[in-house]
Protein backbone atom coordinates (compact mmCIF):
# COMPACT_ATOMS: atom_id res chain seq x y z
CA MET A 1 62.88 -38.10 64.49
CA LYS A 2 60.64 -40.16 65.72
CA ALA A 3 57.92 -37.66 64.48
CA LYS A 4 59.01 -37.52 61.06
CA ASN A 5 58.99 -41.20 61.12
CA THR A 6 55.17 -40.85 61.94
CA PHE A 7 54.80 -38.81 59.03
CA ILE A 8 56.66 -40.83 56.53
CA THR A 9 54.43 -43.94 57.85
CA SER A 10 51.18 -41.92 57.74
CA PHE A 11 51.59 -40.82 54.02
CA GLU A 12 52.73 -44.37 53.12
CA ASN A 13 49.44 -45.44 54.64
CA ARG A 14 47.94 -43.50 52.53
CA ILE A 15 49.72 -44.34 49.39
CA LYS A 16 48.65 -47.77 49.83
CA GLN A 17 44.70 -47.16 50.58
CA LEU A 18 44.93 -44.71 46.80
CA SER A 19 46.30 -47.86 44.94
CA LEU A 20 43.93 -50.06 46.76
CA LYS A 21 41.06 -47.93 45.80
CA LEU A 22 42.69 -47.48 42.06
CA GLY A 23 42.66 -51.38 41.94
CA LYS A 24 38.78 -51.50 42.05
CA ILE A 25 38.53 -49.74 39.35
CA PRO A 26 37.94 -51.39 35.58
CA ARG A 27 41.18 -51.02 33.38
CA LYS A 28 39.04 -49.55 30.36
CA LEU A 29 37.39 -46.67 33.09
CA LEU A 30 40.94 -46.05 34.88
CA LYS A 31 42.32 -45.61 30.51
CA GLU A 32 39.09 -43.72 29.67
CA GLN A 33 39.72 -41.12 33.02
CA MET A 34 43.38 -40.98 32.41
CA LEU A 35 42.75 -39.95 28.37
CA CYS A 36 40.07 -36.94 29.66
CA ILE A 37 41.68 -35.58 32.36
CA GLY A 38 45.53 -36.04 29.28
CA VAL A 39 43.05 -34.06 26.84
CA SER A 40 42.33 -31.13 29.04
CA LEU A 41 45.52 -30.51 30.20
CA LEU A 42 46.50 -30.78 26.51
CA LEU A 43 44.35 -28.36 25.87
CA SER A 44 45.55 -26.34 28.68
CA VAL A 45 48.86 -26.22 27.54
CA LEU A 46 47.87 -24.81 24.15
CA VAL A 47 45.60 -22.00 25.38
CA PHE A 48 48.34 -21.31 27.58
CA LEU A 49 50.97 -21.45 24.97
CA SER A 50 48.90 -19.22 22.42
CA SER A 51 48.16 -16.53 25.19
CA GLN A 52 52.23 -15.93 25.36
CA SER A 53 52.91 -16.16 22.06
CA GLY A 54 50.35 -13.11 21.51
CA ASN A 55 51.58 -11.00 23.24
CA ILE A 56 49.62 -7.25 22.66
CA ILE A 57 52.08 -5.01 24.31
CA THR A 58 55.07 -5.21 23.25
CA GLY A 59 58.12 -3.21 25.11
CA GLY A 60 56.16 -2.43 28.20
CA ASN A 61 53.79 0.06 26.46
CA LEU A 62 53.26 -0.29 23.03
CA ILE A 63 50.93 -1.73 21.17
CA GLU A 64 51.06 -1.76 17.54
CA ARG A 65 48.26 -0.77 15.19
CA ASN A 66 46.15 -2.70 12.52
CA SER A 67 47.26 -1.75 8.76
CA TYR A 68 46.06 0.47 6.84
CA GLY A 69 41.55 0.63 6.40
CA SER A 70 41.29 -2.20 8.96
CA SER A 71 38.93 -2.59 12.07
CA ASP A 72 39.95 -1.00 15.55
CA ARG A 73 40.77 -3.26 17.91
CA ASN A 74 39.35 -3.23 20.95
CA LEU A 75 41.29 -4.39 24.56
CA THR A 76 40.97 -5.23 27.68
CA LEU A 77 44.62 -4.66 29.79
CA GLU A 78 45.49 -4.41 33.22
CA VAL A 79 46.81 -1.37 34.98
CA SER A 80 49.33 -1.27 37.56
CA GLY A 81 50.49 1.11 40.04
CA LEU A 82 46.53 3.46 39.77
CA ARG A 83 45.47 2.04 43.40
CA ASP A 84 48.28 0.75 45.52
CA ASP A 85 46.20 -2.97 46.20
CA SER A 86 45.42 -3.75 43.52
CA ASP A 87 45.54 -4.02 39.07
CA VAL A 88 43.04 -1.90 37.82
CA SER A 89 41.32 -3.37 34.25
CA LEU A 90 40.62 -0.53 31.53
CA ASP A 91 39.22 -0.92 27.89
CA ILE A 92 40.68 0.87 25.52
CA LYS A 93 40.10 1.22 21.44
CA VAL A 94 43.11 1.19 19.18
CA SER A 95 42.57 3.10 16.20
CA PRO A 96 43.81 1.50 12.46
CA ARG A 97 46.70 3.41 11.26
CA ARG A 98 46.24 6.50 8.83
CA TYR A 99 47.45 7.98 6.18
CA SER A 100 48.65 11.82 6.34
CA LYS A 101 47.31 14.44 3.72
CA GLU A 102 50.30 13.81 1.54
CA GLU A 103 50.97 9.79 2.27
CA ALA A 104 47.23 9.70 0.53
CA ASP A 105 48.27 11.73 -2.17
CA LEU A 106 50.86 9.92 -3.28
CA VAL A 107 49.08 6.22 -3.14
CA PHE A 108 46.66 7.80 -5.32
CA GLN A 109 48.62 8.70 -7.47
CA ASP A 110 50.57 5.13 -7.23
CA ILE A 111 47.16 3.86 -7.86
CA VAL A 112 46.07 5.76 -10.72
CA GLU A 113 49.30 5.17 -12.00
CA ASN A 114 48.58 0.84 -12.45
CA ILE A 115 45.08 1.19 -13.02
CA GLU A 116 45.36 -1.04 -16.11
CA GLY A 117 46.14 -3.85 -14.52
CA ILE A 118 44.41 -3.60 -11.73
CA ILE A 119 40.74 -3.37 -13.68
CA ILE A 120 41.80 -5.03 -16.72
CA LYS A 121 40.11 -8.55 -15.98
CA ASP A 122 41.16 -10.84 -19.08
CA GLU A 123 44.94 -11.40 -20.94
CA GLY A 124 45.00 -9.00 -24.38
CA GLU A 125 43.08 -6.90 -23.96
CA SER A 126 43.65 -3.22 -22.67
CA LEU A 127 41.82 0.03 -22.24
CA ALA A 128 42.12 1.01 -25.83
CA ALA A 129 39.68 -1.70 -26.63
CA VAL A 130 37.39 -2.63 -24.03
CA SER A 131 34.92 -5.24 -25.05
CA ARG A 132 34.15 -7.22 -21.89
CA ASP A 133 33.74 -6.70 -18.48
CA LEU A 134 35.79 -4.76 -16.09
CA ASN A 135 36.83 -5.29 -13.08
CA LEU A 136 35.58 -2.17 -10.72
CA LEU A 137 37.20 -2.83 -7.33
CA THR A 138 35.10 -0.38 -4.68
CA LYS A 139 37.68 -1.15 -2.07
CA LEU A 140 41.95 -1.80 -2.19
CA LYS A 141 42.07 -3.90 1.21
CA ASP A 142 45.99 -3.34 1.31
CA ARG A 143 45.74 0.17 0.56
CA GLY A 144 43.30 0.89 2.26
CA VAL A 145 41.24 3.23 0.30
CA ASP A 146 37.41 3.17 -1.51
CA LEU A 147 36.72 4.16 -5.08
CA SER A 148 34.15 5.07 -6.68
CA TRP A 149 33.31 4.84 -10.38
CA ASP A 150 31.02 6.06 -12.94
CA PHE A 151 31.40 6.56 -17.25
CA TYR A 152 30.64 9.22 -18.95
CA PRO A 153 30.70 9.52 -22.72
CA GLU A 154 32.44 11.82 -25.00
CA THR A 155 30.35 12.72 -27.24
CA GLU A 156 28.85 16.32 -28.17
CA ASP A 157 25.35 14.76 -29.97
CA GLN A 158 22.72 14.71 -26.55
CA GLU A 159 20.91 11.16 -27.82
CA SER A 160 24.53 9.15 -27.83
CA TYR A 161 25.09 10.62 -24.59
CA ARG A 162 21.54 9.50 -23.22
CA LYS A 163 22.42 6.13 -25.35
CA TYR A 164 25.63 5.64 -23.90
CA ARG A 165 25.66 6.95 -20.35
CA HIS A 166 25.43 3.72 -18.73
CA LEU A 167 27.51 1.39 -21.16
CA ILE A 168 29.80 0.66 -18.24
CA ASP A 169 27.83 0.22 -14.35
CA ASP A 170 29.46 0.59 -11.38
CA ASN A 171 30.16 -3.03 -11.25
CA GLY A 172 31.90 -2.66 -14.54
CA GLN A 173 29.31 -4.46 -16.87
CA VAL A 174 30.28 -3.55 -20.19
CA HIS A 175 26.66 -3.43 -22.28
CA ASN A 176 28.35 -2.60 -25.86
CA ASP A 177 25.41 -5.28 -27.53
CA SER A 178 24.19 -1.94 -29.25
CA ILE A 179 27.35 -0.41 -30.78
CA PRO A 180 26.92 -1.05 -33.85
CA GLU A 181 30.10 -3.05 -36.12
CA GLY A 182 32.77 -1.40 -36.63
CA GLU A 183 32.20 1.92 -34.41
CA VAL A 184 34.06 3.24 -31.48
CA VAL A 185 32.43 4.61 -28.53
CA THR A 186 35.06 7.28 -26.33
CA GLY A 187 34.72 7.54 -23.17
CA TYR A 188 36.06 8.61 -19.71
CA LEU A 189 35.46 6.78 -16.16
CA SER A 190 35.90 9.10 -13.43
CA LEU A 191 37.39 7.24 -10.22
CA ILE A 192 37.31 9.32 -6.56
CA MET A 193 39.19 7.94 -4.16
CA SER A 194 39.15 7.95 -0.62
CA THR A 195 40.99 7.16 2.74
CA TYR A 196 40.73 7.78 6.09
CA ILE A 197 43.87 10.70 7.63
CA VAL A 198 45.30 12.05 10.57
CA PRO A 199 43.44 14.95 11.14
CA GLU A 200 46.31 17.51 9.79
CA GLU A 201 46.08 20.19 13.16
CA LYS A 202 47.39 18.49 16.46
CA SER A 203 45.15 20.87 18.94
CA SER A 204 41.84 19.49 17.68
CA LEU A 205 42.32 16.47 19.33
CA ASP A 206 41.48 18.03 22.54
CA ASP A 207 37.95 18.19 20.66
CA THR A 208 35.99 15.64 22.33
CA ALA A 209 33.02 16.89 20.16
CA LYS A 210 34.86 15.20 17.29
CA ASP A 211 35.39 12.10 16.13
CA TYR A 212 39.12 12.52 14.61
CA THR A 213 39.32 9.10 13.95
CA LYS A 214 36.70 9.16 10.95
CA ILE A 215 37.97 11.86 8.84
CA LYS A 216 38.05 10.66 5.67
CA TYR A 217 39.96 12.04 2.95
CA HIS A 218 39.01 12.27 -0.91
CA SER A 219 40.22 12.84 -4.05
CA GLU A 220 40.47 15.37 -6.98
CA PRO A 221 38.31 13.19 -9.69
CA TYR A 222 40.36 11.22 -11.89
CA LYS A 223 39.81 10.79 -15.59
CA ILE A 224 40.44 7.29 -16.46
CA TYR A 225 39.58 7.20 -20.38
CA VAL A 226 38.57 4.18 -22.47
CA ASN A 227 37.64 3.04 -25.45
CA VAL A 228 34.50 0.69 -26.01
CA ILE A 229 33.90 -1.50 -29.00
CA PRO A 230 31.77 -3.90 -30.05
CA PRO A 231 31.41 -7.55 -28.61
CA GLU A 232 33.68 -9.83 -30.47
CA PHE A 233 30.80 -12.64 -31.78
CA SER A 234 30.99 -15.54 -33.91
CA GLU A 235 29.53 -16.73 -36.72
CA TYR A 236 27.10 -19.41 -34.81
CA GLU A 237 26.28 -16.19 -32.10
CA LEU A 238 25.61 -13.43 -35.00
CA LEU A 239 23.38 -16.13 -36.39
CA LEU A 240 21.35 -16.88 -32.90
CA ARG A 241 21.83 -12.56 -31.86
CA SER A 242 19.79 -12.28 -35.51
CA LEU A 243 17.13 -14.58 -35.35
CA LYS A 244 16.27 -13.43 -31.76
CA GLU A 245 16.49 -10.33 -33.06
CA LYS A 246 13.81 -11.87 -36.15
CA ILE A 247 11.45 -13.66 -33.44
CA ASN A 248 11.36 -9.93 -31.45
CA ALA A 249 9.97 -8.14 -34.40
CA ALA A 250 7.62 -10.69 -34.98
CA ASP A 251 6.25 -11.22 -31.37
CA MET A 252 6.27 -7.43 -31.42
CA SER A 253 3.87 -7.07 -34.71
CA ALA A 254 1.49 -9.84 -33.65
CA LEU A 255 0.14 -8.76 -29.78
CA GLY A 256 -3.11 -8.93 -31.14
CA ASP A 257 -3.43 -12.53 -32.18
CA ASP A 258 -3.34 -15.26 -29.65
CA SER A 259 -0.52 -16.96 -30.82
CA LEU A 260 3.34 -16.23 -31.77
CA THR A 261 4.74 -18.13 -34.95
CA LEU A 262 8.15 -19.31 -34.61
CA PRO A 263 10.12 -18.41 -38.03
CA THR A 264 10.56 -21.94 -39.65
CA GLU A 265 13.46 -20.32 -42.04
CA HIS A 266 16.40 -18.41 -41.45
CA GLU A 267 19.63 -17.31 -43.24
CA GLY A 268 18.50 -20.46 -46.08
CA ARG A 269 18.86 -22.58 -42.98
CA ALA A 270 15.65 -24.86 -41.89
CA LEU A 271 14.24 -24.06 -38.26
CA SER A 272 12.52 -26.87 -36.03
CA TYR A 273 11.53 -26.28 -32.85
CA HIS A 274 11.10 -28.71 -29.60
CA GLU A 275 10.86 -27.81 -25.57
CA PRO A 276 14.34 -28.75 -23.96
CA SER A 277 13.50 -32.42 -22.15
CA ASP A 278 14.05 -33.39 -18.50
CA GLN A 279 17.45 -35.04 -18.60
CA THR A 280 16.47 -36.15 -14.28
CA TYR A 281 14.85 -39.62 -15.75
CA LEU A 282 18.36 -40.10 -16.47
CA PHE A 283 19.37 -40.33 -12.60
CA MET A 284 16.70 -42.87 -11.53
CA PRO A 285 18.29 -46.20 -12.47
CA LEU A 286 21.78 -44.79 -10.91
CA LEU A 287 19.80 -43.96 -7.67
CA GLY A 288 17.96 -47.41 -7.53
CA VAL A 289 21.45 -48.91 -8.44
CA ILE A 290 22.90 -47.16 -5.23
CA ALA A 291 19.78 -48.09 -3.00
CA ALA A 292 20.15 -51.99 -3.90
CA MET A 293 23.82 -51.72 -2.37
CA ALA A 294 22.70 -50.81 0.42
CA LEU A 295 20.13 -52.16 0.94
CA TYR A 296 23.05 -55.42 0.19
CA LEU A 297 25.14 -54.05 2.57
CA ARG A 298 22.89 -53.18 5.55
CA GLN A 299 21.03 -56.62 4.82
CA GLY A 300 24.61 -58.38 5.80
CA SER A 301 25.09 -55.33 8.52
CA LEU A 302 21.69 -56.88 9.95
CA ALA A 303 22.44 -60.63 9.67
CA LYS A 304 25.90 -60.24 11.29
CA GLU A 305 24.01 -58.45 14.19
CA GLU A 306 21.08 -61.39 14.45
CA LYS A 307 23.95 -63.29 14.14
CA LYS A 308 25.87 -61.89 16.87
CA LYS A 309 22.61 -61.15 19.19
CA LYS A 310 21.36 -65.01 19.05
CA GLU A 311 25.42 -66.05 20.12
CA ILE A 312 24.68 -63.60 23.39
CA LEU A 313 21.43 -65.17 23.86
CA LEU A 314 22.56 -68.89 23.64
CA MET A 315 25.23 -68.27 26.03
CA LEU A 316 23.31 -66.02 28.38
CA ASP A 317 20.80 -69.67 28.28
CA TYR A 318 23.68 -71.99 28.63
CA SER A 319 23.99 -72.10 32.00
CA ASP A 320 20.41 -72.90 32.71
CA LEU A 321 20.68 -75.59 30.19
CA VAL A 322 23.43 -77.75 31.76
CA SER A 323 21.51 -76.86 34.86
CA LYS A 324 18.18 -77.90 34.18
CA LEU A 325 20.39 -80.67 32.50
CA MET A 326 22.06 -81.94 36.14
CA VAL A 327 19.20 -82.02 37.62
CA TYR A 328 16.88 -83.95 35.66
CA THR A 329 19.91 -86.52 35.14
CA GLY A 330 20.09 -86.85 38.50
CA ALA A 331 16.51 -87.36 39.55
CA GLY A 332 17.25 -90.75 36.68
CA LEU A 333 15.79 -89.07 33.28
CA THR A 334 17.98 -90.28 30.88
CA ILE A 335 19.92 -86.97 28.53
CA LYS A 336 17.12 -87.95 25.59
CA ASN A 337 14.71 -87.32 28.28
CA ALA A 338 15.88 -84.80 29.94
CA PHE A 339 16.58 -82.88 26.99
CA ILE A 340 12.81 -83.40 25.68
CA THR A 341 11.15 -82.12 28.92
CA ILE A 342 13.29 -79.09 29.18
CA SER A 343 11.63 -78.78 25.38
CA LYS A 344 8.47 -79.05 26.55
CA GLY A 345 9.17 -76.80 29.45
CA TYR A 346 10.29 -73.82 27.51
CA ASP A 347 7.51 -74.38 25.41
CA ASN A 348 5.33 -74.23 28.12
CA LEU A 349 6.58 -70.98 28.99
CA VAL A 350 6.62 -69.44 25.92
CA GLN A 351 2.67 -70.28 25.58
CA ARG A 352 2.09 -69.04 28.78
CA LYS A 353 4.33 -65.75 27.37
CA LEU A 354 6.06 -65.95 30.51
CA LYS A 355 9.03 -66.06 28.53
CA PRO A 356 9.70 -64.61 24.44
CA ASP A 357 10.33 -67.14 22.06
CA ARG A 358 14.68 -67.41 22.69
CA PRO A 359 17.33 -68.99 19.40
CA LEU A 360 17.70 -71.74 22.59
CA TYR A 361 14.16 -73.10 22.52
CA ARG A 362 14.05 -73.15 19.47
CA GLU A 363 16.76 -75.39 18.25
CA LEU A 364 15.97 -77.91 21.76
CA ARG A 365 12.28 -78.20 19.63
CA THR A 366 14.32 -79.15 16.05
CA LEU A 367 16.26 -81.71 18.75
CA CYS A 368 12.70 -83.68 20.08
CA PHE A 369 11.20 -83.36 15.41
CA GLN A 370 14.67 -85.07 14.97
CA PHE A 371 13.96 -87.77 18.20
CA ASN A 372 10.28 -88.08 17.19
CA ARG A 373 11.54 -88.93 13.27
CA ASN A 374 13.60 -91.87 15.59
CA MET A 375 17.59 -90.34 13.46
CA PRO A 376 19.83 -91.68 15.49
CA GLU A 377 20.35 -90.42 18.90
CA SER A 378 24.56 -89.33 18.20
CA GLU A 379 23.26 -87.65 15.11
CA VAL A 380 21.15 -85.32 16.99
CA TYR A 381 23.64 -84.21 19.22
CA LEU A 382 26.15 -83.86 16.81
CA ASP A 383 23.64 -82.06 14.78
CA LEU A 384 22.99 -79.83 17.46
CA GLY A 385 26.13 -78.54 17.79
CA ARG A 386 27.22 -77.90 14.25
CA ARG A 387 23.88 -76.15 14.10
CA ILE A 388 24.87 -73.53 17.18
CA ASN A 389 28.70 -74.07 16.34
CA LEU A 390 29.53 -72.70 19.70
CA LYS A 391 32.06 -73.65 22.14
CA SER A 392 30.59 -74.32 25.07
CA TYR A 393 27.57 -76.42 23.12
CA THR A 394 29.84 -78.30 21.17
CA LYS A 395 31.81 -78.85 24.69
CA LEU A 396 28.77 -79.79 25.87
CA VAL A 397 27.79 -82.18 22.91
CA SER A 398 31.03 -83.90 23.26
CA LEU A 399 30.37 -84.65 27.42
CA ILE A 400 26.98 -86.77 26.06
CA GLU A 401 28.51 -88.26 23.56
CA GLN A 402 31.65 -89.48 25.47
CA ASN A 403 29.17 -90.77 28.38
CA ARG A 404 26.82 -92.49 26.92
CA ARG A 405 30.03 -94.56 24.87
CA ASN A 406 31.23 -95.39 28.04
CA GLY A 407 28.46 -94.84 30.80
CA THR A 408 27.15 -92.47 33.23
CA LYS A 409 28.80 -92.62 35.60
CA ASN A 410 30.55 -89.56 36.31
CA LEU A 411 28.37 -87.65 33.94
CA ARG A 412 26.57 -86.22 36.89
CA ALA A 413 29.50 -84.97 38.46
CA MET A 414 31.27 -83.43 34.65
CA LEU A 415 28.09 -81.19 34.46
CA GLU A 416 28.46 -79.40 38.20
CA LEU A 417 31.79 -78.51 36.68
CA GLU A 418 30.07 -77.46 33.22
CA MET A 419 27.62 -75.77 35.07
CA ASN A 420 29.84 -74.24 37.05
CA ASP A 421 32.31 -73.17 33.76
CA ALA A 422 28.86 -71.73 32.24
CA PHE A 423 27.78 -69.54 34.82
CA GLU A 424 31.52 -67.58 35.14
CA GLN A 425 30.68 -67.36 31.33
CA ARG A 426 27.15 -65.73 31.84
CA LYS A 427 28.73 -63.46 34.13
CA THR A 428 31.66 -62.67 32.01
CA THR A 429 29.02 -62.17 28.78
CA ALA A 430 26.50 -60.05 31.28
CA LYS A 431 29.56 -57.62 32.31
CA ARG A 432 31.00 -57.52 28.71
CA LEU A 433 27.47 -56.15 27.45
CA GLY A 434 27.84 -53.62 29.65
CA GLU A 435 30.97 -52.36 29.68
CA GLU A 436 29.56 -52.54 25.56
CA ALA A 437 26.91 -50.01 26.38
CA GLY A 438 29.07 -47.70 28.92
CA THR A 439 31.58 -47.67 26.01
CA LYS A 440 28.79 -46.77 23.30
CA LEU A 441 27.81 -43.59 25.85
CA LEU A 442 31.52 -42.10 25.36
CA LEU A 443 30.94 -40.49 22.01
CA PRO A 444 27.55 -38.46 23.59
CA LEU A 445 29.73 -38.18 26.87
CA PHE A 446 32.75 -36.91 24.56
CA LEU A 447 30.95 -34.69 22.27
CA LEU A 448 29.38 -32.69 25.81
CA LEU A 449 33.18 -32.42 26.73
CA GLY A 450 34.12 -30.82 23.27
CA ILE A 451 30.90 -28.27 23.31
CA VAL A 452 31.84 -27.26 26.69
CA MET A 453 35.31 -26.92 25.69
CA VAL A 454 34.29 -24.93 22.83
CA ILE A 455 32.84 -22.46 24.92
CA VAL A 456 35.21 -22.41 27.11
CA ILE A 457 38.22 -21.85 24.47
CA VAL A 458 36.71 -19.57 22.16
CA PRO A 459 35.58 -16.69 24.34
CA ALA A 460 39.11 -16.88 25.40
CA LEU A 461 41.17 -16.91 22.34
CA THR A 462 38.90 -13.81 21.05
CA ALA A 463 39.76 -11.85 24.64
CA ILE A 464 43.56 -12.82 24.03
CA ARG A 465 43.13 -11.94 19.84
């Protein structure tokens, strides 16, 4: 019982020590650390669920094949039972599903029976009157079948055969511009289909010299009869076509001349020519407007940043200003003379390049200039508070005005209190600036974390699949 109480006491002491250590960590940093840990745990759970949902083996010893025409599955499994002490890693290849020869013939026949719906692109067309390009696919992925096409015109005239031999190319493009109007070219598309099949002789699987996953079965050539007609041209297209032919004829007839003379009249229409104008210049004003808007927005952003930077510098210099005021007024100087002395001291440091010219120094120069112009002292202080427009400086101006009216009996004590508050504000400002600098580093850190996560997770998911 005593040992149990000792263990409980020791455990409680450790919990207290851990709580004290956690209490010293900044709350913002603690939240960011917890966020990183939470994200990593969430990713871990997602990877675990993905690995559980994508089981490769079903029923203990069944592996599903990929569908017809797909690629092999390369898997890494662990086999139990080969060794008594541990499992054995095994790399295997699972071939995709194959047709038997009879199944392949049935698939080929079904494709031929529905071939018109496969290769016709545009509605309203048929193989009986082809005037536009065909969709001659080279592979039907859902069937796992490869297709090979070739066009043969049906004519006994050798000249016509040579002329229309490539009327339809392997990609399905129909080159029917040369067909005279009203003429029809009859021919057929020779279609040969192929796919991988299961070996017919099962005993031949013992022959390791052959790769039986690569046995490809080819169909007999099928004839798909088509009638190719001339393209349908609008009146404008016919006119343009005849003009091109006229220009080509003029070009060929004047190959020896220095220049080509374009026709100025065609089918009763007067023609004139000009080079196409470059329309890029129209976009230049738009780019100028966009650039002007971007500069305006950038100027506003820069002004805000400059204002923020000025306020930060004024707050950092505030404690030094109050400290010097307290020293000089304690030495017997008036508030006015104290400000003038402080300004001269800052100017001396700037001239000797010991300090950069900061916003507070410029404000004090303005204040001294107003004193030299014999402005009322109260207006000078109030104007200083309005120009700076920060709570601390407004409070200092109010304090100076109050003591200037009621006497300077308690001014030193009040300035001392204000100096302590100013130093606390300076420490707070410096701490906040440090936290902001640390926050800006979080983005590259999270990017690095994301890259590491991708490097770890992607290979794992790939292996699972």
